[in-house]
PDB file of N, CA and C in Angstrom:
ATOM      1  N   UNK A   1      54.164 -40.678  24.711  1.00  0.00           N
ATOM      2  CA  UNK A   1      53.923 -39.321  24.846  1.00  0.00           C
ATOM      3  C   UNK A   1      52.894 -39.160  25.994  1.00  0.00           C
ATOM      4  N   UNK A   2      53.059 -38.181  26.809  1.00  0.00           N
ATOM      5  CA  UNK A   2      52.196 -37.954  27.888  1.00  0.00           C
ATOM      6  C   UNK A   2      51.499 -36.516  27.790  1.00  0.00           C
ATOM      7  N   UNK A   3      50.165 -36.487  28.116  1.00  0.00           N
ATOM      8  CA  UNK A   3      49.456 -35.156  27.948  1.00  0.00           C
ATOM      9  C   UNK A   3      48.824 -34.890  29.247  1.00  0.00           C
ATOM     10  N   UNK A   4      48.730 -33.590  29.712  1.00  0.00           N
ATOM     11  CA  UNK A   4      47.962 -33.231  30.897  1.00  0.00           C
ATOM     12  C   UNK A   4      46.654 -32.759  30.418  1.00  0.00           C
ATOM     13  N   UNK A   5      45.573 -33.498  31.016  1.00  0.00           N
ATOM     14  CA  UNK A   5      44.200 -33.219  30.604  1.00  0.00           C
ATOM     15  C   UNK A   5      43.619 -31.955  31.457  1.00  0.00           C
ATOM     16  N   UNK A   6      42.357 -31.620  31.155  1.00  0.00           N
ATOM     17  CA  UNK A   6      41.673 -30.568  31.795  1.00  0.00           C
ATOM     18  C   UNK A   6      41.708 -30.574  33.307  1.00  0.00           C
ATOM     19  N   UNK A   7      41.589 -31.776  33.864  1.00  0.00           N
ATOM     20  CA  UNK A   7      41.614 -31.861  35.377  1.00  0.00           C
ATOM     21  C   UNK A   7      42.971 -31.963  36.017  1.00  0.00           C
ATOM     22  N   UNK A   8      44.018 -31.727  35.189  1.00  0.00           N
ATOM     23  CA  UNK A   8      45.372 -31.760  35.719  1.00  0.00           C
ATOM     24  C   UNK A   8      45.956 -33.241  35.801  1.00  0.00           C
ATOM     25  N   UNK A   9      45.307 -34.146  35.250  1.00  0.00           N
ATOM     26  CA  UNK A   9      45.856 -35.625  35.237  1.00  0.00           C
ATOM     27  C   UNK A   9      46.728 -35.790  34.107  1.00  0.00           C
ATOM     28  N   UNK A  10      47.729 -36.644  34.282  1.00  0.00           N
ATOM     29  CA  UNK A  10      48.671 -37.020  33.239  1.00  0.00           C
ATOM     30  C   UNK A  10      48.090 -38.208  32.493  1.00  0.00           C
ATOM     31  N   UNK A  11      47.964 -38.006  31.159  1.00  0.00           N
ATOM     32  CA  UNK A  11      47.301 -39.077  30.343  1.00  0.00           C
ATOM     33  C   UNK A  11      48.280 -39.542  29.368  1.00  0.00           C
ATOM     34  N   UNK A  12      48.353 -40.907  29.115  1.00  0.00           N
ATOM     35  CA  UNK A  12      49.174 -41.519  28.137  1.00  0.00           C
ATOM     36  C   UNK A  12      48.521 -42.825  27.764  1.00  0.00           C
ATOM     37  N   UNK A  13      49.224 -43.760  27.184  1.00  0.00           N
ATOM     38  CA  UNK A  13      48.642 -45.078  26.825  1.00  0.00           C
ATOM     39  C   UNK A  13      49.498 -46.241  27.312  1.00  0.00           C
ATOM     40  N   UNK A  14      48.921 -47.343  27.606  1.00  0.00           N
ATOM     41  CA  UNK A  14      49.644 -48.527  27.918  1.00  0.00           C
ATOM     42  C   UNK A  14      49.227 -49.612  26.928  1.00  0.00           C
ATOM     43  N   UNK A  15      50.184 -50.607  26.817  1.00  0.00           N
ATOM     44  CA  UNK A  15      49.908 -51.661  25.892  1.00  0.00           C
ATOM     45  C   UNK A  15      49.212 -52.748  26.582  1.00  0.00           C
ATOM     46  N   UNK A  16      48.058 -53.329  25.943  1.00  0.00           N
ATOM     47  CA  UNK A  16      47.314 -54.527  26.416  1.00  0.00           C
ATOM     48  C   UNK A  16      47.636 -55.696  25.513  1.00  0.00           C
ATOM     49  N   UNK A  17      48.421 -56.618  26.007  1.00  0.00           N
ATOM     50  CA  UNK A  17      48.900 -57.746  25.261  1.00  0.00           C
ATOM     51  C   UNK A  17      47.935 -58.933  25.295  1.00  0.00           C
ATOM     52  N   UNK A  18      48.110 -59.840  24.451  1.00  0.00           N
ATOM     53  CA  UNK A  18      47.329 -61.118  24.551  1.00  0.00           C
ATOM     54  C   UNK A  18      48.366 -62.241  24.415  1.00  0.00           C
ATOM     55  N   UNK A  19      48.353 -63.127  25.482  1.00  0.00           N
ATOM     56  CA  UNK A  19      49.269 -64.158  25.517  1.00  0.00           C
ATOM     57  C   UNK A  19      48.650 -65.517  26.033  1.00  0.00           C
ATOM     58  N   UNK A  20      48.736 -66.585  25.306  1.00  0.00           N
ATOM     59  CA  UNK A  20      48.076 -67.906  25.789  1.00  0.00           C
ATOM     60  C   UNK A  20      46.611 -67.758  26.053  1.00  0.00           C
ATOM     61  N   UNK A  21      45.959 -66.882  25.301  1.00  0.00           N
ATOM     62  CA  UNK A  21      44.487 -66.700  25.456  1.00  0.00           C
ATOM     63  C   UNK A  21      44.124 -65.722  26.475  1.00  0.00           C
ATOM     64  N   UNK A  22      45.038 -65.192  27.232  1.00  0.00           N
ATOM     65  CA  UNK A  22      44.642 -64.192  28.240  1.00  0.00           C
ATOM     66  C   UNK A  22      45.234 -62.830  27.950  1.00  0.00           C
ATOM     67  N   UNK A  23      44.644 -61.828  28.446  1.00  0.00           N
ATOM     68  CA  UNK A  23      44.950 -60.388  28.316  1.00  0.00           C
ATOM     69  C   UNK A  23      45.978 -60.041  29.379  1.00  0.00           C
ATOM     70  N   UNK A  24      46.853 -59.103  29.141  1.00  0.00           N
ATOM     71  CA  UNK A  24      47.951 -58.816  30.017  1.00  0.00           C
ATOM     72  C   UNK A  24      48.490 -57.396  29.923  1.00  0.00           C
ATOM     73  N   UNK A  25      48.538 -56.681  30.977  1.00  0.00           N
ATOM     74  CA  UNK A  25      49.237 -55.424  31.033  1.00  0.00           C
ATOM     75  C   UNK A  25      50.673 -55.531  31.688  1.00  0.00           C
ATOM     76  N   UNK A  26      51.593 -55.044  31.170  1.00  0.00           N
ATOM     77  CA  UNK A  26      52.946 -54.955  31.799  1.00  0.00           C
ATOM     78  C   UNK A  26      53.349 -53.540  31.853  1.00  0.00           C
ATOM     79  N   UNK A  27      53.386 -52.884  32.980  1.00  0.00           N
ATOM     80  CA  UNK A  27      53.661 -51.534  33.111  1.00  0.00           C
ATOM     81  C   UNK A  27      55.099 -51.354  33.782  1.00  0.00           C
ATOM     82  N   UNK A  28      55.888 -50.577  33.217  1.00  0.00           N
ATOM     83  CA  UNK A  28      57.280 -50.350  33.695  1.00  0.00           C
ATOM     84  C   UNK A  28      57.467 -48.855  34.033  1.00  0.00           C
ATOM     85  N   UNK A  29      58.665 -48.433  34.380  1.00  0.00           N
ATOM     86  CA  UNK A  29      58.905 -47.106  34.701  1.00  0.00           C
ATOM     87  C   UNK A  29      58.555 -46.103  33.634  1.00  0.00           C
ATOM     88  N   UNK A  30      58.559 -46.464  32.303  1.00  0.00           N
ATOM     89  CA  UNK A  30      58.099 -45.671  31.196  1.00  0.00           C
ATOM     90  C   UNK A  30      56.579 -45.226  31.335  1.00  0.00           C
ATOM     91  N   UNK A  31      55.835 -46.079  31.903  1.00  0.00           N
ATOM     92  CA  UNK A  31      54.322 -45.781  31.983  1.00  0.00           C
ATOM     93  C   UNK A  31      53.996 -45.286  33.359  1.00  0.00           C
ATOM     94  N   UNK A  32      54.653 -45.631  34.432  1.00  0.00           N
ATOM     95  CA  UNK A  32      54.353 -45.386  35.778  1.00  0.00           C
ATOM     96  C   UNK A  32      54.876 -43.992  36.163  1.00  0.00           C
ATOM     97  N   UNK A  33      54.257 -43.456  37.185  1.00  0.00           N
ATOM     98  CA  UNK A  33      54.782 -42.181  37.778  1.00  0.00           C
ATOM     99  C   UNK A  33      56.169 -42.338  38.303  1.00  0.00           C
ATOM    100  N   UNK A  34      56.872 -41.253  38.262  1.00  0.00           N
ATOM    101  CA  UNK A  34      58.379 -41.230  38.775  1.00  0.00           C
ATOM    102  C   UNK A  34      58.446 -41.648  40.146  1.00  0.00           C
ATOM    103  N   UNK A  35      57.483 -41.460  40.942  1.00  0.00           N
ATOM    104  CA  UNK A  35      57.436 -41.700  42.411  1.00  0.00           C
ATOM    105  C   UNK A  35      57.243 -43.212  42.653  1.00  0.00           C
ATOM    106  N   UNK A  36      56.742 -43.973  41.751  1.00  0.00           N
ATOM    107  CA  UNK A  36      56.573 -45.390  41.960  1.00  0.00           C
ATOM    108  C   UNK A  36      57.833 -46.089  42.104  1.00  0.00           C
ATOM    109  N   UNK A  37      57.942 -46.930  43.192  1.00  0.00           N
ATOM    110  CA  UNK A  37      59.178 -47.631  43.412  1.00  0.00           C
ATOM    111  C   UNK A  37      58.833 -49.131  43.697  1.00  0.00           C
ATOM    112  N   UNK A  38      59.842 -50.044  43.390  1.00  0.00           N
ATOM    113  CA  UNK A  38      59.599 -51.474  43.705  1.00  0.00           C
ATOM    114  C   UNK A  38      59.377 -51.486  45.190  1.00  0.00           C
ATOM    115  N   UNK A  39      58.461 -52.370  45.542  1.00  0.00           N
ATOM    116  CA  UNK A  39      58.137 -52.570  46.948  1.00  0.00           C
ATOM    117  C   UNK A  39      56.904 -51.770  47.447  1.00  0.00           C
ATOM    118  N   UNK A  40      56.568 -50.721  46.658  1.00  0.00           N
ATOM    119  CA  UNK A  40      55.281 -49.984  47.020  1.00  0.00           C
ATOM    120  C   UNK A  40      54.070 -50.931  46.928  1.00  0.00           C
ATOM    121  N   UNK A  41      53.108 -50.649  47.718  1.00  0.00           N
ATOM    122  CA  UNK A  41      51.991 -51.504  47.786  1.00  0.00           C
ATOM    123  C   UNK A  41      50.690 -50.642  47.251  1.00  0.00           C
ATOM    124  N   UNK A  42      49.700 -51.494  46.690  1.00  0.00           N
ATOM    125  CA  UNK A  42      48.568 -50.812  46.103  1.00  0.00           C
ATOM    126  C   UNK A  42      47.429 -51.787  46.115  1.00  0.00           C
ATOM    127  N   UNK A  43      46.162 -51.249  45.964  1.00  0.00           N
ATOM    128  CA  UNK A  43      44.917 -52.034  45.680  1.00  0.00           C
ATOM    129  C   UNK A  43      44.478 -51.797  44.205  1.00  0.00           C
ATOM    130  N   UNK A  44      43.855 -52.766  43.663  1.00  0.00           N
ATOM    131  CA  UNK A  44      43.432 -52.626  42.280  1.00  0.00           C
ATOM    132  C   UNK A  44      41.980 -53.138  42.186  1.00  0.00           C
ATOM    133  N   UNK A  45      41.100 -52.373  41.576  1.00  0.00           N
ATOM    134  CA  UNK A  45      39.775 -52.724  41.214  1.00  0.00           C
ATOM    135  C   UNK A  45      39.596 -52.894  39.799  1.00  0.00           C
ATOM    136  N   UNK A  46      39.166 -54.177  39.372  1.00  0.00           N
ATOM    137  CA  UNK A  46      39.146 -54.539  38.000  1.00  0.00           C
ATOM    138  C   UNK A  46      37.616 -54.578  37.631  1.00  0.00           C
ATOM    139  N   UNK A  47      37.166 -53.845  36.707  1.00  0.00           N
ATOM    140  CA  UNK A  47      35.712 -53.911  36.269  1.00  0.00           C
ATOM    141  C   UNK A  47      35.687 -53.841  34.747  1.00  0.00           C
ATOM    142  N   UNK A  48      34.601 -53.811  34.141  1.00  0.00           N
ATOM    143  CA  UNK A  48      34.460 -53.867  32.692  1.00  0.00           C
ATOM    144  C   UNK A  48      35.145 -52.745  31.972  1.00  0.00           C
ATOM    145  N   UNK A  49      36.270 -53.090  31.345  1.00  0.00           N
ATOM    146  CA  UNK A  49      37.011 -52.058  30.531  1.00  0.00           C
ATOM    147  C   UNK A  49      37.872 -51.091  31.311  1.00  0.00           C
ATOM    148  N   UNK A  50      38.076 -51.452  32.522  1.00  0.00           N
ATOM    149  CA  UNK A  50      38.750 -50.425  33.466  1.00  0.00           C
ATOM    150  C   UNK A  50      39.546 -51.216  34.551  1.00  0.00           C
ATOM    151  N   UNK A  51      40.668 -50.705  34.961  1.00  0.00           N
ATOM    152  CA  UNK A  51      41.350 -51.045  36.182  1.00  0.00           C
ATOM    153  C   UNK A  51      41.807 -49.786  36.912  1.00  0.00           C
ATOM    154  N   UNK A  52      41.390 -49.659  38.134  1.00  0.00           N
ATOM    155  CA  UNK A  52      41.614 -48.497  39.024  1.00  0.00           C
ATOM    156  C   UNK A  52      42.717 -48.993  40.104  1.00  0.00           C
ATOM    157  N   UNK A  53      43.790 -48.283  40.160  1.00  0.00           N
ATOM    158  CA  UNK A  53      44.792 -48.561  41.111  1.00  0.00           C
ATOM    159  C   UNK A  53      44.995 -47.411  41.992  1.00  0.00           C
ATOM    160  N   UNK A  54      44.986 -47.782  43.316  1.00  0.00           N
ATOM    161  CA  UNK A  54      45.335 -46.768  44.402  1.00  0.00           C
ATOM    162  C   UNK A  54      46.425 -47.275  45.240  1.00  0.00           C
ATOM    163  N   UNK A  55      47.450 -46.331  45.301  1.00  0.00           N
ATOM    164  CA  UNK A  55      48.637 -46.696  46.157  1.00  0.00           C
ATOM    165  C   UNK A  55      48.204 -46.509  47.649  1.00  0.00           C
ATOM    166  N   UNK A  56      48.618 -47.516  48.455  1.00  0.00           N
ATOM    167  CA  UNK A  56      48.295 -47.470  49.934  1.00  0.00           C
ATOM    168  C   UNK A  56      49.362 -48.327  50.586  1.00  0.00           C
ATOM    169  N   UNK A  57      49.850 -47.915  51.787  1.00  0.00           N
ATOM    170  CA  UNK A  57      50.779 -48.775  52.434  1.00  0.00           C
ATOM    171  C   UNK A  57      50.249 -50.189  52.773  1.00  0.00           C
ATOM    172  N   UNK A  58      48.936 -50.318  53.007  1.00  0.00           N
ATOM    173  CA  UNK A  58      48.308 -51.511  53.309  1.00  0.00           C
ATOM    174  C   UNK A  58      47.850 -52.277  52.163  1.00  0.00           C
ATOM    175  N   UNK A  59      48.097 -51.858  50.954  1.00  0.00           N
ATOM    176  CA  UNK A  59      47.616 -52.507  49.664  1.00  0.00           C
ATOM    177  C   UNK A  59      47.827 -53.977  49.684  1.00  0.00           C
ATOM    178  N   UNK A  60      46.856 -54.723  48.915  1.00  0.00           N
ATOM    179  CA  UNK A  60      46.965 -56.147  48.855  1.00  0.00           C
ATOM    180  C   UNK A  60      47.930 -56.520  47.740  1.00  0.00           C
ATOM    181  N   UNK A  61      48.413 -55.673  46.952  1.00  0.00           N
ATOM    182  CA  UNK A  61      49.308 -56.020  45.764  1.00  0.00           C
ATOM    183  C   UNK A  61      50.612 -55.231  46.007  1.00  0.00           C
ATOM    184  N   UNK A  62      51.641 -55.749  45.265  1.00  0.00           N
ATOM    185  CA  UNK A  62      52.958 -55.145  45.460  1.00  0.00           C
ATOM    186  C   UNK A  62      53.599 -54.814  44.056  1.00  0.00           C
ATOM    187  N   UNK A  63      54.263 -53.657  44.009  1.00  0.00           N
ATOM    188  CA  UNK A  63      55.063 -53.260  42.864  1.00  0.00           C
ATOM    189  C   UNK A  63      56.284 -54.147  42.843  1.00  0.00           C
ATOM    190  N   UNK A  64      56.523 -54.897  41.729  1.00  0.00           N
ATOM    191  CA  UNK A  64      57.699 -55.786  41.691  1.00  0.00           C
ATOM    192  C   UNK A  64      58.917 -54.962  41.090  1.00  0.00           C
ATOM    193  N   UNK A  65      60.069 -55.507  41.207  1.00  0.00           N
ATOM    194  CA  UNK A  65      61.156 -54.808  40.752  1.00  0.00           C
ATOM    195  C   UNK A  65      61.954 -55.570  39.659  1.00  0.00           C
ATOM    196  N   UNK A  66      62.383 -54.850  38.630  1.00  0.00           N
ATOM    197  CA  UNK A  66      63.179 -55.468  37.601  1.00  0.00           C
ATOM    198  C   UNK A  66      64.638 -55.001  37.701  1.00  0.00           C
ATOM    199  N   UNK A  67      65.546 -55.925  37.942  1.00  0.00           N
ATOM    200  CA  UNK A  67      66.873 -55.566  38.198  1.00  0.00           C
ATOM    201  C   UNK A  67      67.570 -54.965  36.931  1.00  0.00           C
ATOM    202  N   UNK A  68      68.158 -53.743  37.206  1.00  0.00           N
ATOM    203  CA  UNK A  68      68.863 -53.141  35.995  1.00  0.00           C
ATOM    204  C   UNK A  68      70.309 -52.793  36.440  1.00  0.00           C
ATOM    205  N   UNK A  69      71.099 -52.269  35.645  1.00  0.00           N
ATOM    206  CA  UNK A  69      72.483 -51.841  35.990  1.00  0.00           C
ATOM    207  C   UNK A  69      72.434 -50.714  36.893  1.00  0.00           C
ATOM    208  N   UNK A  70      71.320 -49.935  36.952  1.00  0.00           N
ATOM    209  CA  UNK A  70      71.223 -48.737  37.807  1.00  0.00           C
ATOM    210  C   UNK A  70      70.290 -49.020  39.088  1.00  0.00           C
ATOM    211  N   UNK A  71      70.010 -50.269  39.315  1.00  0.00           N
ATOM    212  CA  UNK A  71      69.192 -50.634  40.493  1.00  0.00           C
ATOM    213  C   UNK A  71      67.928 -51.396  40.082  1.00  0.00           C
ATOM    214  N   UNK A  72      66.841 -51.028  40.785  1.00  0.00           N
ATOM    215  CA  UNK A  72      65.650 -51.691  40.500  1.00  0.00           C
ATOM    216  C   UNK A  72      64.604 -50.857  39.773  1.00  0.00           C
ATOM    217  N   UNK A  73      64.051 -51.202  38.731  1.00  0.00           N
ATOM    218  CA  UNK A  73      62.993 -50.413  38.128  1.00  0.00           C
ATOM    219  C   UNK A  73      61.660 -51.011  38.471  1.00  0.00           C
ATOM    220  N   UNK A  74      60.553 -50.196  38.682  1.00  0.00           N
ATOM    221  CA  UNK A  74      59.292 -50.675  39.122  1.00  0.00           C
ATOM    222  C   UNK A  74      58.524 -51.413  37.993  1.00  0.00           C
ATOM    223  N   UNK A  75      57.829 -52.390  38.320  1.00  0.00           N
ATOM    224  CA  UNK A  75      57.004 -53.254  37.300  1.00  0.00           C
ATOM    225  C   UNK A  75      55.732 -53.606  37.997  1.00  0.00           C
ATOM    226  N   UNK A  76      54.539 -53.246  37.252  1.00  0.00           N
ATOM    227  CA  UNK A  76      53.252 -53.785  37.700  1.00  0.00           C
ATOM    228  C   UNK A  76      52.655 -54.509  36.561  1.00  0.00           C
ATOM    229  N   UNK A  77      52.199 -55.777  36.960  1.00  0.00           N
ATOM    230  CA  UNK A  77      51.613 -56.578  35.896  1.00  0.00           C
ATOM    231  C   UNK A  77      50.250 -57.027  36.293  1.00  0.00           C
ATOM    232  N   UNK A  78      49.291 -56.946  35.271  1.00  0.00           N
ATOM    233  CA  UNK A  78      47.974 -57.459  35.438  1.00  0.00           C
ATOM    234  C   UNK A  78      47.702 -58.517  34.375  1.00  0.00           C
ATOM    235  N   UNK A  79      47.182 -59.580  34.824  1.00  0.00           N
ATOM    236  CA  UNK A  79      46.938 -60.690  33.806  1.00  0.00           C
ATOM    237  C   UNK A  79      45.889 -61.592  34.272  1.00  0.00           C
ATOM    238  N   UNK A  80      45.508 -62.504  33.348  1.00  0.00           N
ATOM    239  CA  UNK A  80      44.577 -63.563  33.758  1.00  0.00           C
ATOM    240  C   UNK A  80      43.111 -63.391  33.588  1.00  0.00           C
ATOM    241  N   UNK A  81      42.309 -64.226  33.991  1.00  0.00           N
ATOM    242  CA  UNK A  81      40.861 -64.229  33.670  1.00  0.00           C
ATOM    243  C   UNK A  81      40.168 -62.903  33.944  1.00  0.00           C
ATOM    244  N   UNK A  82      40.347 -62.296  35.139  1.00  0.00           N
ATOM    245  CA  UNK A  82      39.745 -60.969  35.500  1.00  0.00           C
ATOM    246  C   UNK A  82      40.058 -59.864  34.411  1.00  0.00           C
ATOM    247  N   UNK A  83      41.249 -59.892  34.005  1.00  0.00           N
ATOM    248  CA  UNK A  83      41.597 -58.855  33.066  1.00  0.00           C
ATOM    249  C   UNK A  83      41.055 -59.204  31.678  1.00  0.00           C
ATOM    250  N   UNK A  84      41.146 -60.498  31.286  1.00  0.00           N
ATOM    251  CA  UNK A  84      40.443 -60.903  30.014  1.00  0.00           C
ATOM    252  C   UNK A  84      39.007 -60.570  30.037  1.00  0.00           C
ATOM    253  N   UNK A  85      38.315 -60.992  31.099  1.00  0.00           N
ATOM    254  CA  UNK A  85      36.870 -60.604  31.207  1.00  0.00           C
ATOM    255  C   UNK A  85      36.619 -59.121  31.109  1.00  0.00           C
ATOM    256  N   UNK A  86      37.486 -58.236  31.700  1.00  0.00           N
ATOM    257  CA  UNK A  86      37.245 -56.906  31.754  1.00  0.00           C
ATOM    258  C   UNK A  86      37.481 -56.245  30.385  1.00  0.00           C
ATOM    259  N   UNK A  87      38.482 -56.756  29.594  1.00  0.00           N
ATOM    260  CA  UNK A  87      38.817 -56.141  28.437  1.00  0.00           C
ATOM    261  C   UNK A  87      38.587 -56.945  27.081  1.00  0.00           C
ATOM    262  N   UNK A  88      38.001 -58.091  27.289  1.00  0.00           N
ATOM    263  CA  UNK A  88      37.583 -58.864  26.176  1.00  0.00           C
ATOM    264  C   UNK A  88      38.690 -59.772  25.632  1.00  0.00           C
ATOM    265  N   UNK A  89      38.189 -60.866  25.012  1.00  0.00           N
ATOM    266  CA  UNK A  89      39.111 -61.854  24.367  1.00  0.00           C
ATOM    267  C   UNK A  89      39.714 -61.290  23.103  1.00  0.00           C
ATOM    268  N   UNK A  90      40.968 -61.809  22.790  1.00  0.00           N
ATOM    269  CA  UNK A  90      41.595 -61.405  21.515  1.00  0.00           C
ATOM    270  C   UNK A  90      42.627 -62.592  21.168  1.00  0.00           C
ATOM    271  N   UNK A  91      43.028 -62.659  19.904  1.00  0.00           N
ATOM    272  CA  UNK A  91      43.927 -63.594  19.427  1.00  0.00           C
ATOM    273  C   UNK A  91      45.331 -63.424  20.027  1.00  0.00           C
ATOM    274  N   UNK A  92      46.074 -64.460  20.244  1.00  0.00           N
ATOM    275  CA  UNK A  92      47.408 -64.269  20.730  1.00  0.00           C
ATOM    276  C   UNK A  92      48.263 -63.432  19.826  1.00  0.00           C
ATOM    277  N   UNK A  93      49.105 -62.645  20.472  1.00  0.00           N
ATOM    278  CA  UNK A  93      49.886 -61.669  19.641  1.00  0.00           C
ATOM    279  C   UNK A  93      49.255 -60.335  19.369  1.00  0.00           C
ATOM    280  N   UNK A  94      47.913 -60.198  19.737  1.00  0.00           N
ATOM    281  CA  UNK A  94      47.278 -58.909  19.635  1.00  0.00           C
ATOM    282  C   UNK A  94      47.767 -57.999  20.704  1.00  0.00           C
ATOM    283  N   UNK A  95      48.038 -56.729  20.210  1.00  0.00           N
ATOM    284  CA  UNK A  95      48.421 -55.659  21.127  1.00  0.00           C
ATOM    285  C   UNK A  95      47.510 -54.478  20.915  1.00  0.00           C
ATOM    286  N   UNK A  96      46.880 -53.971  21.982  1.00  0.00           N
ATOM    287  CA  UNK A  96      45.999 -52.792  21.844  1.00  0.00           C
ATOM    288  C   UNK A  96      46.565 -51.689  22.773  1.00  0.00           C
ATOM    289  N   UNK A  97      46.318 -50.450  22.404  1.00  0.00           N
ATOM    290  CA  UNK A  97      46.691 -49.292  23.238  1.00  0.00           C
ATOM    291  C   UNK A  97      45.496 -48.942  23.993  1.00  0.00           C
ATOM    292  N   UNK A  98      45.695 -48.844  25.330  1.00  0.00           N
ATOM    293  CA  UNK A  98      44.549 -48.507  26.353  1.00  0.00           C
ATOM    294  C   UNK A  98      44.973 -47.259  27.069  1.00  0.00           C
ATOM    295  N   UNK A  99      44.038 -46.348  27.227  1.00  0.00           N
ATOM    296  CA  UNK A  99      44.336 -45.031  27.937  1.00  0.00           C
ATOM    297  C   UNK A  99      44.765 -45.299  29.370  1.00  0.00           C
ATOM    298  N   UNK A 100      45.838 -44.575  29.753  1.00  0.00           N
ATOM    299  CA  UNK A 100      46.395 -44.669  31.100  1.00  0.00           C
ATOM    300  C   UNK A 100      46.378 -43.299  31.706  1.00  0.00           C
ATOM    301  N   UNK A 101      45.682 -43.024  32.761  1.00  0.00           N
ATOM    302  CA  UNK A 101      45.565 -41.714  33.369  1.00  0.00           C
ATOM    303  C   UNK A 101      46.291 -41.884  34.645  1.00  0.00           C
ATOM    304  N   UNK A 102      47.390 -41.097  34.985  1.00  0.00           N
ATOM    305  CA  UNK A 102      48.063 -41.030  36.237  1.00  0.00           C
ATOM    306  C   UNK A 102      47.426 -39.866  37.036  1.00  0.00           C
ATOM    307  N   UNK A 103      46.990 -40.164  38.279  1.00  0.00           N
ATOM    308  CA  UNK A 103      46.376 -39.003  39.038  1.00  0.00           C
ATOM    309  C   UNK A 103      47.020 -38.696  40.381  1.00  0.00           C
ATOM    310  N   UNK A 104      48.231 -39.106  40.544  1.00  0.00           N
ATOM    311  CA  UNK A 104      48.987 -38.743  41.686  1.00  0.00           C
ATOM    312  C   UNK A 104      48.929 -39.768  42.849  1.00  0.00           C
ATOM    313  N   UNK A 105      47.777 -40.345  43.108  1.00  0.00           N
ATOM    314  CA  UNK A 105      47.614 -41.373  44.120  1.00  0.00           C
ATOM    315  C   UNK A 105      47.384 -42.704  43.582  1.00  0.00           C
ATOM    316  N   UNK A 106      47.511 -42.784  42.186  1.00  0.00           N
ATOM    317  CA  UNK A 106      47.339 -44.049  41.536  1.00  0.00           C
ATOM    318  C   UNK A 106      47.112 -43.799  40.010  1.00  0.00           C
ATOM    319  N   UNK A 107      46.447 -44.694  39.436  1.00  0.00           N
ATOM    320  CA  UNK A 107      46.108 -44.559  37.978  1.00  0.00           C
ATOM    321  C   UNK A 107      44.962 -45.317  37.583  1.00  0.00           C
ATOM    322  N   UNK A 108      44.476 -44.968  36.418  1.00  0.00           N
ATOM    323  CA  UNK A 108      43.317 -45.744  35.838  1.00  0.00           C
ATOM    324  C   UNK A 108      43.655 -46.188  34.413  1.00  0.00           C
ATOM    325  N   UNK A 109      43.565 -47.448  34.210  1.00  0.00           N
ATOM    326  CA  UNK A 109      43.685 -48.072  32.754  1.00  0.00           C
ATOM    327  C   UNK A 109      42.313 -48.232  32.257  1.00  0.00           C
ATOM    328  N   UNK A 110      42.098 -47.714  31.087  1.00  0.00           N
ATOM    329  CA  UNK A 110      40.828 -47.952  30.427  1.00  0.00           C
ATOM    330  C   UNK A 110      39.984 -46.702  30.336  1.00  0.00           C
TER     331      UNK A 110
END
């Protein structure tokens, strides 16, 4: 479920998984803006309890695609030590809901 907040931003939640001792976000078309496409580029800033994503043609990261019967769906994945450090350790199998705010030019997790 998505909610528009007071500043006109679209707010929902994303799942933060724990796998092999590391934290992981796996975002698909269900969580991403409708305009996000496989191949889009973006920059991400990871800090304590937060990931800020800004889409830009010169971005250092790329939206990957998951092949479906209707073409390619966008997928953005964040994982590893930086994400674990930012969101804290948890036991494998732990899933937390983290606020996801879409703002048109990107989004913020946390």
